[in-house]
C-alpha atoms as a PDB file:
ATOM      1  CA  MET A   1     -22.735 -10.932  -8.588  1.00  0.00           C
ATOM      2  CA  ALA A   2     -19.943  -9.258 -10.625  1.00  0.00           C
ATOM      3  CA  MET A   3     -16.796 -10.541  -8.918  1.00  0.00           C
ATOM      4  CA  GLU A   4     -14.836  -7.960 -10.892  1.00  0.00           C
ATOM      5  CA  GLN A   5     -16.622  -5.137  -9.020  1.00  0.00           C
ATOM      6  CA  ILE A   6     -15.629  -6.649  -5.697  1.00  0.00           C
ATOM      7  CA  ALA A   7     -11.993  -7.088  -6.730  1.00  0.00           C
ATOM      8  CA  THR A   8     -11.677  -3.515  -7.974  1.00  0.00           C
ATOM      9  CA  GLY A   9     -13.422  -2.301  -4.814  1.00  0.00           C
ATOM     10  CA  LEU A  10     -10.767  -3.980  -2.671  1.00  0.00           C
ATOM     11  CA  MET A  11      -8.048  -2.474  -4.853  1.00  0.00           C
ATOM     12  CA  THR A  12      -9.514   1.002  -4.368  1.00  0.00           C
ATOM     13  CA  LEU A  13      -9.665   0.527  -0.596  1.00  0.00           C
ATOM     14  CA  ILE A  14      -5.983  -0.475  -0.525  1.00  0.00           C
ATOM     15  CA  LYS A  15      -4.910   2.436  -2.726  1.00  0.00           C
ATOM     16  CA  LYS A  16      -6.784   4.993  -0.625  1.00  0.00           C
ATOM     17  CA  ASN A  17      -5.524   3.737   2.735  1.00  0.00           C
ATOM     18  CA  ILE A  18      -2.253   1.820   2.396  1.00  0.00           C
ATOM     19  CA  ILE A  19      -0.813   4.281  -0.145  1.00  0.00           C
ATOM     20  CA  ALA A  20      -2.688   7.386   1.055  1.00  0.00           C
ATOM     21  CA  ARG A  21      -0.977  10.117  -0.906  1.00  0.00           C
ATOM     22  CA  THR A  22      -1.829  13.818  -0.498  1.00  0.00           C
ATOM     23  CA  ASN A  23      -0.221  17.121  -1.478  1.00  0.00           C
ATOM     24  CA  VAL A  24       1.492  19.548   0.882  1.00  0.00           C
ATOM     25  CA  VAL A  25      -0.356  22.909   0.960  1.00  0.00           C
ATOM     26  CA  SER A  26       2.205  24.932   2.909  1.00  0.00           C
ATOM     27  CA  ASN A  27       6.011  25.034   2.809  1.00  0.00           C
ATOM     28  CA  VAL A  28       7.686  22.833   5.440  1.00  0.00           C
ATOM     29  CA  LEU A  29      10.843  24.622   6.598  1.00  0.00           C
ATOM     30  CA  THR A  30      12.753  22.153   8.838  1.00  0.00           C
ATOM     31  CA  SER A  31       9.638  21.830  10.958  1.00  0.00           C
ATOM     32  CA  ASN A  32       7.677  19.082  12.680  1.00  0.00           C
ATOM     33  CA  ILE A  33       4.368  20.524  11.430  1.00  0.00           C
ATOM     34  CA  VAL A  34       3.064  19.585   7.992  1.00  0.00           C
ATOM     35  CA  TYR A  35      -0.057  21.015   6.359  1.00  0.00           C
ATOM     36  CA  VAL A  36      -1.606  18.802   3.668  1.00  0.00           C
ATOM     37  CA  GLU A  37      -4.778  18.751   1.580  1.00  0.00           C
ATOM     38  CA  ASN A  38      -6.469  16.007   3.564  1.00  0.00           C
ATOM     39  CA  THR A  39      -5.332  13.960   6.583  1.00  0.00           C
ATOM     40  CA  PHE A  40      -8.314  11.575   6.527  1.00  0.00           C
ATOM     41  CA  HIS A  41      -6.329   8.399   5.776  1.00  0.00           C
ATOM     42  CA  TYR A  42      -3.520   9.002   8.292  1.00  0.00           C
ATOM     43  CA  GLU A  43      -3.158   7.927  11.914  1.00  0.00           C
ATOM     44  CA  PRO A  44      -0.622   8.484  14.734  1.00  0.00           C
ATOM     45  CA  ASP A  45       2.602   6.426  14.699  1.00  0.00           C
ATOM     46  CA  GLN A  46       2.383   5.726  10.984  1.00  0.00           C
ATOM     47  CA  GLU A  47       5.441   6.232   8.825  1.00  0.00           C
ATOM     48  CA  ALA A  48       5.312   8.558   5.822  1.00  0.00           C
ATOM     49  CA  VAL A  49       7.628   9.949   3.191  1.00  0.00           C
ATOM     50  CA  LEU A  50       7.962  13.497   1.863  1.00  0.00           C
ATOM     51  CA  ILE A  51       8.800  13.517  -1.858  1.00  0.00           C
ATOM     52  CA  ASP A  52       9.110  16.411  -4.287  1.00  0.00           C
ATOM     53  CA  MET A  53       9.158  16.995  -8.047  1.00  0.00           C
ATOM     54  CA  GLY A  54       6.329  14.582  -8.781  1.00  0.00           C
ATOM     55  CA  TYR A  55       8.052  11.414  -7.642  1.00  0.00           C
ATOM     56  CA  ASN A  56       6.739   8.314  -9.423  1.00  0.00           C
ATOM     57  CA  GLN A  57       4.358  10.381 -11.550  1.00  0.00           C
ATOM     58  CA  GLU A  58       4.092  10.355 -15.316  1.00  0.00           C
ATOM     59  CA  GLY A  59       5.417  13.368 -17.154  1.00  0.00           C
ATOM     60  CA  TYR A  60       8.746  13.629 -15.351  1.00  0.00           C
ATOM     61  CA  SER A  61      11.945  12.532 -17.064  1.00  0.00           C
ATOM     62  CA  ALA A  62      14.318  10.043 -15.469  1.00  0.00           C
ATOM     63  CA  THR A  63      16.843  12.806 -14.741  1.00  0.00           C
ATOM     64  CA  SER A  64      14.279  14.932 -12.880  1.00  0.00           C
ATOM     65  CA  HIS A  65      12.250  12.113 -11.343  1.00  0.00           C
ATOM     66  CA  TYR A  66      12.665  13.680  -7.915  1.00  0.00           C
ATOM     67  CA  GLN A  67      15.091  15.951  -6.122  1.00  0.00           C
ATOM     68  CA  GLN A  68      14.881  14.475  -2.646  1.00  0.00           C
ATOM     69  CA  TYR A  69      12.781  12.464  -0.272  1.00  0.00           C
ATOM     70  CA  GLU A  70      12.663  12.058   3.493  1.00  0.00           C
ATOM     71  CA  TYR A  71      11.042   9.537   5.813  1.00  0.00           C
ATOM     72  CA  VAL A  72       9.102  10.866   8.797  1.00  0.00           C
ATOM     73  CA  ARG A  73       6.830   9.511  11.535  1.00  0.00           C
ATOM     74  CA  ILE A  74       3.432  10.900  12.484  1.00  0.00           C
ATOM     75  CA  LYS A  75       2.954  11.871  16.122  1.00  0.00           C
ATOM     76  CA  GLN A  76      -0.506  13.439  15.913  1.00  0.00           C
ATOM     77  CA  VAL A  77      -3.210  14.131  13.347  1.00  0.00           C
ATOM     78  CA  VAL A  78      -4.589  17.439  14.629  1.00  0.00           C
ATOM     79  CA  ASP A  79      -7.339  18.137  12.108  1.00  0.00           C
ATOM     80  CA  THR A  80      -8.208  17.765   8.442  1.00  0.00           C
ATOM     81  CA  HIS A  81      -5.059  19.606   7.314  1.00  0.00           C
ATOM     82  CA  LYS A  82      -2.497  19.584  10.140  1.00  0.00           C
ATOM     83  CA  ILE A  83      -0.067  16.774  11.024  1.00  0.00           C
ATOM     84  CA  ILE A  84       2.541  16.897  13.778  1.00  0.00           C
ATOM     85  CA  LEU A  85       5.685  14.770  13.351  1.00  0.00           C
ATOM     86  CA  TYR A  86       7.875  13.289  16.075  1.00  0.00           C
ATOM     87  CA  ASN A  87      10.899  15.226  14.784  1.00  0.00           C
ATOM     88  CA  ASN A  88      11.659  18.235  12.626  1.00  0.00           C
ATOM     89  CA  THR A  89      12.282  17.518   8.969  1.00  0.00           C
ATOM     90  CA  ILE A  90      15.910  17.550   7.890  1.00  0.00           C
ATOM     91  CA  SER A  91      15.190  19.339   4.616  1.00  0.00           C
ATOM     92  CA  ASN A  92      12.940  22.165   3.465  1.00  0.00           C
ATOM     93  CA  TRP A  93       9.914  21.180   1.407  1.00  0.00           C
ATOM     94  CA  TYR A  94       8.131  23.569  -0.939  1.00  0.00           C
ATOM     95  CA  VAL A  95       4.689  23.621  -2.512  1.00  0.00           C
ATOM     96  CA  ALA A  96       6.273  24.956  -5.699  1.00  0.00           C
ATOM     97  CA  ASP A  97       8.255  21.684  -5.988  1.00  0.00           C
ATOM     98  CA  ASN A  98       5.054  19.598  -5.994  1.00  0.00           C
ATOM     99  CA  THR A  99       5.885  18.085  -2.619  1.00  0.00           C
ATOM    100  CA  SER A 100       3.617  15.229  -1.597  1.00  0.00           C
ATOM    101  CA  PHE A 101       3.087  13.348   1.653  1.00  0.00           C
ATOM    102  CA  GLN A 102       2.617   9.586   1.305  1.00  0.00           C
ATOM    103  CA  LYS A 103       2.157   6.775   3.770  1.00  0.00           C
ATOM    104  CA  THR A 104       4.863   4.108   3.786  1.00  0.00           C
ATOM    105  CA  ILE A 105       5.787   1.018   5.780  1.00  0.00           C
ATOM    106  CA  GLY A 106       9.334   0.029   6.685  1.00  0.00           C
ATOM    107  CA  HIS A 107      10.865   2.632   4.350  1.00  0.00           C
ATOM    108  CA  SER A 108       9.272   0.712   1.444  1.00  0.00           C
ATOM    109  CA  PRO A 109       6.477   2.731  -0.205  1.00  0.00           C
ATOM    110  CA  LEU A 110       3.768   1.028  -2.248  1.00  0.00           C
ATOM    111  CA  TYR A 111       2.689   2.728  -5.484  1.00  0.00           C
ATOM    112  CA  GLU A 112      -0.643   2.556  -7.266  1.00  0.00           C
ATOM    113  CA  GLU A 113       0.744   0.843 -10.361  1.00  0.00           C
ATOM    114  CA  ARG A 114       1.970  -1.992  -8.109  1.00  0.00           C
ATOM    115  CA  VAL A 115      -1.583  -2.899  -7.023  1.00  0.00           C
ATOM    116  CA  TYR A 116      -2.707  -5.499  -9.565  1.00  0.00           C
ATOM    117  CA  LEU A 117      -6.031  -7.111 -10.455  1.00  0.00           C
ATOM    118  CA  GLY A 118      -5.100 -10.777 -10.720  1.00  0.00           C
ATOM    119  CA  ASP A 119      -1.842 -12.430  -9.740  1.00  0.00           C
ATOM    120  CA  ARG A 120       1.197 -12.152 -12.006  1.00  0.00           C
ATOM    121  CA  GLU A 121       3.642 -14.734 -13.240  1.00  0.00           C
ATOM    122  CA  VAL A 122       6.461 -12.255 -12.685  1.00  0.00           C
ATOM    123  CA  ILE A 123       6.376  -9.638  -9.933  1.00  0.00           C
ATOM    124  CA  PRO A 124       9.037  -6.885  -9.910  1.00  0.00           C
ATOM    125  CA  SER A 125      11.390  -7.838  -7.094  1.00  0.00           C
ATOM    126  CA  GLU A 126      12.597  -4.288  -6.421  1.00  0.00           C
ATOM    127  CA  GLU A 127       9.207  -2.918  -5.355  1.00  0.00           C
ATOM    128  CA  MET A 128       6.435  -3.818  -2.940  1.00  0.00           C
ATOM    129  CA  ALA A 129       3.416  -5.192  -4.795  1.00  0.00           C
ATOM    130  CA  ILE A 130      -0.099  -6.347  -3.939  1.00  0.00           C
ATOM    131  CA  THR A 131      -2.336  -8.532  -6.114  1.00  0.00           C
ATOM    132  CA  ILE A 132      -6.086  -9.168  -5.770  1.00  0.00           C
ATOM    133  CA  GLU A 133      -7.057 -12.563  -7.179  1.00  0.00           C
ATOM    134  CA  PRO A 134     -10.707 -13.798  -7.258  1.00  0.00           C
ATOM    135  CA  SER A 135     -10.838 -17.310  -5.819  1.00  0.00           C
ATOM    136  CA  THR A 136     -14.274 -18.885  -5.305  1.00  0.00           C
ATOM    137  CA  LEU A 137     -18.003 -18.189  -5.190  1.00  0.00           C
ATOM    138  CA  SER A 138     -20.351 -20.267  -3.056  1.00  0.00           C
ATOM    139  CA  ASN A 139     -23.914 -19.738  -1.873  1.00  0.00           C
ATOM    140  CA  ASP A 140     -26.584 -20.853   0.570  1.00  0.00           C
ATOM    141  CA  TRP A 141     -30.235 -19.996   1.198  1.00  0.00           C
ATOM    142  CA  VAL A 142     -30.721 -17.685   4.169  1.00  0.00           C
ATOM    143  CA  TYR A 143     -34.470 -17.340   3.842  1.00  0.00           C
ATOM    144  CA  LEU A 144     -37.263 -18.557   1.564  1.00  0.00           C
ATOM    145  CA  MET A 145     -38.523 -17.260  -0.720  1.00  0.00           C
ATOM    146  CA  GLY A 146     -35.824 -16.426  -1.910  1.00  0.00           C
ATOM    147  CA  GLY A 147     -32.766 -14.811  -0.316  1.00  0.00           C
ATOM    148  CA  LEU A 148     -29.567 -16.419  -1.539  1.00  0.00           C
ATOM    149  CA  SER A 149     -26.394 -15.572   0.353  1.00  0.00           C
ATOM    150  CA  ASN A 150     -23.416 -15.394  -2.012  1.00  0.00           C
ATOM    151  CA  GLU A 151     -19.992 -15.780  -0.453  1.00  0.00           C
ATOM    152  CA  HIS A 152     -17.197 -14.284  -2.557  1.00  0.00           C
ATOM    153  CA  ARG A 153     -13.613 -15.242  -1.709  1.00  0.00           C
ATOM    154  CA  LEU A 154     -10.530 -13.421  -2.935  1.00  0.00           C
ATOM    155  CA  ASP A 155      -6.829 -13.850  -2.232  1.00  0.00           C
ATOM    156  CA  ILE A 156      -4.787 -10.772  -1.392  1.00  0.00           C
ATOM    157  CA  THR A 157      -1.074 -11.439  -1.920  1.00  0.00           C
ATOM    158  CA  ILE A 158       1.620  -9.027  -0.729  1.00  0.00           C
ATOM    159  CA  TYR A 159       5.007  -9.381  -2.386  1.00  0.00           C
ATOM    160  CA  GLY A 160       8.055  -8.079  -0.563  1.00  0.00           C
ATOM    161  CA  LYS A 161      11.701  -7.659  -1.441  1.00  0.00           C
ATOM    162  CA  ASP A 162      15.037  -8.550   0.150  1.00  0.00           C
ATOM    163  CA  ILE A 163      14.124 -12.190   0.620  1.00  0.00           C
ATOM    164  CA  LEU A 164      17.575 -13.029   1.976  1.00  0.00           C
ATOM    165  CA  THR A 165      17.445 -10.487   4.805  1.00  0.00           C
ATOM    166  CA  GLU A 166      15.628 -10.482   8.107  1.00  0.00           C
ATOM    167  CA  ASN A 167      14.568  -6.890   7.491  1.00  0.00           C
ATOM    168  CA  GLY A 168      12.696  -7.942   4.351  1.00  0.00           C
ATOM    169  CA  LEU A 169      10.531 -10.289   6.401  1.00  0.00           C
ATOM    170  CA  VAL A 170       9.838  -7.570   8.969  1.00  0.00           C
ATOM    171  CA  ILE A 171       8.611  -5.230   6.220  1.00  0.00           C
ATOM    172  CA  LEU A 172       6.370  -7.943   4.790  1.00  0.00           C
ATOM    173  CA  ILE A 173       4.842  -8.685   8.199  1.00  0.00           C
ATOM    174  CA  LYS A 174       4.160  -4.990   8.751  1.00  0.00           C
ATOM    175  CA  TYR A 175       2.424  -4.704   5.384  1.00  0.00           C
ATOM    176  CA  ALA A 176       0.338  -7.814   6.046  1.00  0.00           C
ATOM    177  CA  ASP A 177      -0.710  -6.460   9.447  1.00  0.00           C
ATOM    178  CA  ALA A 178      -1.607  -3.086   7.911  1.00  0.00           C
ATOM    179  CA  VAL A 179      -3.812  -4.680   5.224  1.00  0.00           C
ATOM    180  CA  TYR A 180      -5.396  -6.980   7.810  1.00  0.00           C
ATOM    181  CA  ASN A 181      -6.220  -4.052  10.136  1.00  0.00           C
ATOM    182  CA  LEU A 182      -7.593  -2.039   7.223  1.00  0.00           C
ATOM    183  CA  PHE A 183     -10.109  -4.708   6.255  1.00  0.00           C
ATOM    184  CA  MET A 184     -11.033  -5.464   9.851  1.00  0.00           C
ATOM    185  CA  GLN A 185     -11.906  -1.765  10.201  1.00  0.00           C
ATOM    186  CA  SER A 186     -14.018  -2.042   7.031  1.00  0.00           C
ATOM    187  CA  LEU A 187     -16.181  -5.061   7.817  1.00  0.00           C
ATOM    188  CA  HIS A 188     -18.938  -3.672   5.582  1.00  0.00           C
ATOM    189  CA  THR A 189     -16.605  -3.015   2.667  1.00  0.00           C
ATOM    190  CA  ASP A 190     -17.781  -0.337   0.246  1.00  0.00           C
ATOM    191  CA  ILE A 191     -18.361  -1.913  -3.156  1.00  0.00           C
ATOM    192  CA  ASN A 192     -19.636   0.041  -6.158  1.00  0.00           C
ATOM    193  CA  ASN A 193     -20.710   3.105  -4.176  1.00  0.00           C
ATOM    194  CA  TYR A 194     -21.468   6.365  -5.938  1.00  0.00           C
ATOM    195  CA  GLU A 195     -20.274   9.588  -4.305  1.00  0.00           C
ATOM    196  CA  THR A 196     -20.636  13.261  -5.160  1.00  0.00           C
ATOM    197  CA  PRO A 197     -19.377  16.328  -3.237  1.00  0.00           C
ATOM    198  CA  ILE A 198     -21.826  18.410  -1.227  1.00  0.00           C
ATOM    199  CA  LEU A 199     -21.737  22.032  -2.425  1.00  0.00           C
ATOM    200  CA  ALA A 200     -23.022  23.786   0.708  1.00  0.00           C
ATOM    201  CA  ASN A 201     -22.644  23.197   4.433  1.00  0.00           C
ATOM    202  CA  VAL A 202     -25.368  20.986   5.903  1.00  0.00           C
ATOM    203  CA  VAL A 203     -26.870  22.208   9.178  1.00  0.00           C
ATOM    204  CA  ALA A 204     -28.099  19.800  11.834  1.00  0.00           C
ATOM    205  CA  GLY A 205     -31.885  19.629  12.039  1.00  0.00           C
ATOM    206  CA  THR A 206     -32.449  20.236   8.321  1.00  0.00           C
ATOM    207  CA  ASN A 207     -33.187  17.635   5.663  1.00  0.00           C
ATOM    208  CA  THR A 208     -31.690  19.253   2.550  1.00  0.00           C
ATOM    209  CA  VAL A 209     -28.329  18.769   0.849  1.00  0.00           C
ATOM    210  CA  ILE A 210     -27.025  20.529  -2.266  1.00  0.00           C
ATOM    211  CA  ILE A 211     -25.190  18.697  -5.052  1.00  0.00           C
ATOM    212  CA  ALA A 212     -24.179  19.593  -8.611  1.00  0.00           C
ATOM    213  CA  ASP A 213     -26.543  19.126 -11.550  1.00  0.00           C
ATOM    214  CA  THR A 214     -24.471  16.736 -13.687  1.00  0.00           C
ATOM    215  CA  PRO A 215     -25.404  13.813 -15.970  1.00  0.00           C
ATOM    216  CA  ASP A 216     -23.762  11.336 -13.570  1.00  0.00           C
ATOM    217  CA  ASN A 217     -25.656  12.713 -10.574  1.00  0.00           C
ATOM    218  CA  ARG A 218     -28.928  12.627 -12.501  1.00  0.00           C
ATOM    219  CA  GLU A 219     -28.337   8.991 -13.368  1.00  0.00           C
ATOM    220  CA  ASN A 220     -27.330   7.861  -9.880  1.00  0.00           C
ATOM    221  CA  ILE A 221     -29.081  10.196  -7.435  1.00  0.00           C
ATOM    222  CA  THR A 222     -32.791   9.510  -7.843  1.00  0.00           C
ATOM    223  CA  LEU A 223     -36.031   9.602  -5.875  1.00  0.00           C
ATOM    224  CA  SER A 224     -36.610   6.635  -3.575  1.00  0.00           C
ATOM    225  CA  ALA A 225     -40.084   6.246  -2.133  1.00  0.00           C
ATOM    226  CA  THR A 226     -38.934   3.480   0.217  1.00  0.00           C
ATOM    227  CA  LEU A 227     -35.659   2.466   1.786  1.00  0.00           C
ATOM    228  CA  THR A 228     -34.185  -0.435  -0.165  1.00  0.00           C
ATOM    229  CA  ASP A 229     -30.654  -1.654  -0.851  1.00  0.00           C
ATOM    230  CA  ASP A 230     -30.817  -0.069  -4.321  1.00  0.00           C
ATOM    231  CA  GLU A 231     -32.038   3.296  -3.018  1.00  0.00           C
ATOM    232  CA  CYS A 232     -30.076   3.712   0.211  1.00  0.00           C
ATOM    233  CA  TYR A 233     -28.234   7.005   0.724  1.00  0.00           C
ATOM    234  CA  GLU A 234     -25.848   8.385   3.313  1.00  0.00           C
ATOM    235  CA  ILE A 235     -23.879  11.518   4.129  1.00  0.00           C
ATOM    236  CA  GLN A 236     -20.303  11.656   5.422  1.00  0.00           C
ATOM    237  CA  ASP A 237     -17.410  13.989   6.027  1.00  0.00           C
ATOM    238  CA  ASN A 238     -14.020  13.469   7.695  1.00  0.00           C
ATOM    239  CA  GLN A 239     -15.617  13.488  11.139  1.00  0.00           C
ATOM    240  CA  LEU A 240     -19.102  11.967  10.979  1.00  0.00           C
ATOM    241  CA  ILE A 241     -21.433   9.741   8.984  1.00  0.00           C
ATOM    242  CA  GLU A 242     -25.203   9.141   8.850  1.00  0.00           C
ATOM    243  CA  ILE A 243     -26.726   6.234   6.951  1.00  0.00           C
ATOM    244  CA  ASP A 244     -30.044   4.697   5.867  1.00  0.00           C
ATOM    245  CA  MET A 245     -31.733   7.679   4.228  1.00  0.00           C
ATOM    246  CA  PHE A 246     -34.002   7.860   1.195  1.00  0.00           C
ATOM    247  CA  ILE A 247     -34.745  10.805  -1.080  1.00  0.00           C
ATOM    248  CA  SER A 248     -38.233  12.305  -0.965  1.00  0.00           C
ATOM    249  CA  ASN A 249     -37.690  15.253  -3.308  1.00  0.00           C
ATOM    250  CA  ILE A 250     -35.209  16.358  -5.991  1.00  0.00           C
ATOM    251  CA  GLN A 251     -35.379  19.800  -7.605  1.00  0.00           C
ATOM    252  CA  TYR A 252     -33.820  19.626 -11.052  1.00  0.00           C
ATOM    253  CA  ALA A 253     -33.784  22.707 -13.293  1.00  0.00           C
ATOM    254  CA  THR A 254     -35.254  20.805 -16.232  1.00  0.00           C
ATOM    255  CA  PRO A 255     -37.386  17.655 -16.396  1.00  0.00           C
ATOM    256  CA  MET A 256     -35.596  14.328 -16.317  1.00  0.00           C
ATOM    257  CA  ALA A 257     -37.006  11.297 -18.086  1.00  0.00           C
ATOM    258  CA  GLY A 258     -38.628   8.854 -15.695  1.00  0.00           C
ATOM    259  CA  GLN A 259     -38.686  11.169 -12.666  1.00  0.00           C
ATOM    260  CA  MET A 260     -41.449  10.588 -10.153  1.00  0.00           C
ATOM    261  CA  THR A 261     -44.196  13.200  -9.790  1.00  0.00           C
ATOM    262  CA  LEU A 262     -42.773  14.438  -6.469  1.00  0.00           C
ATOM    263  CA  THR A 263     -39.958  16.159  -8.361  1.00  0.00           C
ATOM    264  CA  VAL A 264     -40.194  19.967  -8.341  1.00  0.00           C
ATOM    265  CA  TYR A 265     -38.277  21.683 -11.135  1.00  0.00           C
ATOM    266  CA  ARG A 266     -36.385  24.897 -10.392  1.00  0.00           C
ATOM    267  CA  GLN A 267     -34.752  27.738 -12.275  1.00  0.00           C
ATOM    268  CA  ASN A 268     -31.159  27.526 -10.980  1.00  0.00           C
ATOM    269  CA  PRO A 269     -29.304  25.280 -13.464  1.00  0.00           C
ATOM    270  CA  THR A 270     -26.212  24.708 -11.301  1.00  0.00           C
ATOM    271  CA  ASN A 271     -27.135  23.251  -7.919  1.00  0.00           C
ATOM    272  CA  VAL A 272     -29.636  20.545  -7.030  1.00  0.00           C
ATOM    273  CA  PRO A 273     -31.439  20.681  -3.655  1.00  0.00           C
ATOM    274  CA  ILE A 274     -32.235  17.199  -2.374  1.00  0.00           C
ATOM    275  CA  GLY A 275     -34.895  16.596   0.253  1.00  0.00           C
ATOM    276  CA  LEU A 276     -34.167  13.621   2.524  1.00  0.00           C
ATOM    277  CA  SER A 277     -36.558  11.329   4.356  1.00  0.00           C
ATOM    278  CA  ASN A 278     -35.485  12.545   7.795  1.00  0.00           C
ATOM    279  CA  ASN A 279     -33.630  15.430   9.409  1.00  0.00           C
ATOM    280  CA  ILE A 280     -29.852  15.283   9.590  1.00  0.00           C
ATOM    281  CA  GLN A 281     -28.461  14.972  13.113  1.00  0.00           C
ATOM    282  CA  PHE A 282     -25.050  16.656  12.749  1.00  0.00           C
ATOM    283  CA  ASN A 283     -23.337  19.462  10.842  1.00  0.00           C
ATOM    284  CA  TYR A 284     -21.433  18.501   7.685  1.00  0.00           C
ATOM    285  CA  THR A 285     -19.082  21.096   6.226  1.00  0.00           C
ATOM    286  CA  LEU A 286     -17.136  21.700   3.029  1.00  0.00           C
ATOM    287  CA  PRO A 287     -13.754  22.053   4.807  1.00  0.00           C
ATOM    288  CA  GLU A 288     -14.319  18.506   6.129  1.00  0.00           C
ATOM    289  CA  TYR A 289     -14.914  17.173   2.579  1.00  0.00           C
ATOM    290  CA  ALA A 290     -18.591  16.361   2.963  1.00  0.00           C
ATOM    291  CA  VAL A 291     -19.972  13.918   0.379  1.00  0.00           C
ATOM    292  CA  PHE A 292     -23.376  12.486  -0.477  1.00  0.00           C
ATOM    293  CA  ARG A 293     -23.292   8.776  -1.255  1.00  0.00           C
ATOM    294  CA  LYS A 294     -25.552   6.234  -2.858  1.00  0.00           C
ATOM    295  CA  HIS A 295     -24.689   2.940  -1.249  1.00  0.00           C
ATOM    296  CA  GLY A 296     -23.757   0.171  -3.639  1.00  0.00           C
ATOM    297  CA  ARG A 297     -23.467  -3.515  -2.873  1.00  0.00           C
ATOM    298  CA  TYR A 298     -23.956  -4.303   0.809  1.00  0.00           C
ATOM    299  CA  MET A 299     -21.696  -6.938   2.350  1.00  0.00           C
ATOM    300  CA  TYR A 300     -23.392  -8.044   5.549  1.00  0.00           C
ATOM    301  CA  ASP A 301     -20.317 -10.024   6.591  1.00  0.00           C
ATOM    302  CA  SER A 302     -16.814  -9.473   5.238  1.00  0.00           C
ATOM    303  CA  ARG A 303     -13.351  -9.839   6.737  1.00  0.00           C
ATOM    304  CA  ILE A 304      -9.939 -11.457   6.421  1.00  0.00           C
ATOM    305  CA  ASP A 305     -10.077 -14.838   8.122  1.00  0.00           C
ATOM    306  CA  GLY A 306      -6.485 -15.984   7.638  1.00  0.00           C
ATOM    307  CA  ILE A 307      -2.931 -14.900   6.809  1.00  0.00           C
ATOM    308  CA  THR A 308      -0.145 -17.107   5.474  1.00  0.00           C
ATOM    309  CA  TYR A 309       3.422 -15.827   5.639  1.00  0.00           C
ATOM    310  CA  GLY A 310       6.123 -17.355   3.500  1.00  0.00           C
ATOM    311  CA  LYS A 311       7.707 -17.118   0.086  1.00  0.00           C
ATOM    312  CA  VAL A 312       6.733 -17.919  -3.480  1.00  0.00           C
ATOM    313  CA  GLN A 313       8.601 -18.718  -6.658  1.00  0.00           C
ATOM    314  CA  LYS A 314       8.062 -16.440  -9.655  1.00  0.00           C
ATOM    315  CA  GLY A 315      10.001 -17.705 -12.648  1.00  0.00           C
ATOM    316  CA  SER A 316      13.537 -18.312 -11.427  1.00  0.00           C
ATOM    317  CA  ALA A 317      13.210 -15.905  -8.474  1.00  0.00           C
ATOM    318  CA  PHE A 318      12.031 -16.553  -4.925  1.00  0.00           C
ATOM    319  CA  LEU A 319      10.116 -13.692  -3.343  1.00  0.00           C
ATOM    320  CA  ARG A 320       8.781 -13.078   0.115  1.00  0.00           C
ATOM    321  CA  ALA A 321       5.007 -13.058   0.127  1.00  0.00           C
ATOM    322  CA  ALA A 322       2.058 -12.989   2.492  1.00  0.00           C
ATOM    323  CA  SER A 323      -1.341 -14.294   1.434  1.00  0.00           C
ATOM    324  CA  LEU A 324      -4.509 -12.961   3.065  1.00  0.00           C
ATOM    325  CA  ALA A 325      -7.842 -14.729   2.575  1.00  0.00           C
ATOM    326  CA  TRP A 326     -10.764 -12.284   2.284  1.00  0.00           C
ATOM    327  CA  PHE A 327     -14.439 -13.148   2.004  1.00  0.00           C
ATOM    328  CA  GLY A 328     -17.574 -11.069   1.606  1.00  0.00           C
ATOM    329  CA  LYS A 329     -21.201 -12.183   1.901  1.00  0.00           C
ATOM    330  CA  GLU A 330     -24.187 -10.468   0.328  1.00  0.00           C
ATOM    331  CA  VAL A 331     -27.817 -11.443  -0.208  1.00  0.00           C
ATOM    332  CA  GLU A 332     -29.241 -11.715  -3.724  1.00  0.00           C
ATOM    333  CA  GLU A 333     -33.026 -11.714  -4.089  1.00  0.00           C
ATOM    334  CA  TYR A 334     -34.771 -14.270  -6.313  1.00  0.00           C
ATOM    335  CA  SER A 335     -38.454 -14.199  -7.263  1.00  0.00           C
ATOM    336  CA  PHE A 336     -40.574 -17.334  -7.670  1.00  0.00           C
ATOM    337  CA  PRO A 337     -42.049 -18.855  -9.712  1.00  0.00           C
ATOM    338  CA  GLN A 338     -39.390 -18.269 -12.368  1.00  0.00           C
ATOM    339  CA  LYS A 339     -40.175 -18.154 -16.079  1.00  0.00           C
ATOM    340  CA  SER A 340     -38.510 -21.060 -17.837  1.00  0.00           C
ATOM    341  CA  LYS A 341     -35.605 -20.112 -20.099  1.00  0.00           C
ATOM    342  CA  GLY A 342     -35.980 -23.487 -21.800  1.00  0.00           C
ATOM    343  CA  THR A 343     -39.307 -22.654 -23.424  1.00  0.00           C
ATOM    344  CA  MET A 344     -39.762 -23.981 -26.958  1.00  0.00           C
ATOM    345  CA  TYR A 345     -39.878 -21.401 -29.732  1.00  0.00           C
ATOM    346  CA  PHE A 346     -42.934 -21.592 -31.978  1.00  0.00           C
ATOM    347  CA  PRO A 347     -43.626 -19.596 -35.118  1.00  0.00           C
ATOM    348  CA  GLU A 348     -45.731 -16.495 -34.603  1.00  0.00           C
ATOM    349  CA  VAL A 349     -49.442 -17.175 -34.899  1.00  0.00           C
ATOM    350  CA  PRO A 350     -51.045 -14.811 -37.464  1.00  0.00           C
END
């Protein structure tokens, strides 16, 4: 069950999409065109902020925390690297100044250290903050024998600032709507997935992908004679995704303990060719950040089914807050008959 895995999975989803920070890869000289490392988590009409000198990063002193920042609005996401803004930037932004491009809402950015596992007695009132708090676990049989559906419920609380102003409430509502839309677009929330980059372009009609030969990949990417929840693989880049594959062949350079006999060992110690159960339908390329993924825990039904807007008291302070109720359902298999754990212990018979 591992509720902690689910909570950290939700935190990761929020950090990747609500914060969505990426580096600028080309100087922006009072222009409405911005080139970044990866535009995957950005959409038209979203607000963003350009910040230089490692803003909010460790290693920078208080006097050089940042030189400048500027809020902008996205008009179009052209491709994996190019973003067009509604207006030209006021300032010049340079790669040499470690300029980054980060999503924001209502001129109030959220930072990774403000996304907490578990609620807090005191929440900093000068920053936006989000907490993920496990709430309840319930279950019900969905089929015999013996599929048990576990329903995990967690509370997502968004803390805003400026409780005495109307603008503070507007910002909070926008954040709540953004988190709600994010989870409604991720109804099968990724929990405990394992991903590794693909090292060569994948051509449609073939069934081979290349990954690195690393200890982590050897542990997680393994042969799977049949398609099960524990051995389900998929391939994705910024444009496309294909799911429900299993691995029929892995070519490691040296033998790996426990490998099935279908494994063919090779001489190249760097890259691992993986043979899949079926041909791939589309092209997946390195410039589009193609990855190979072992699917983790499968939530067959997950969504936010309620939002409460209001305010909460933390210590002596009143803060604006929105509470979102999230649930996720997954099936856990039980085998019968079960061996009794209450068996008496008898001395060993000589």
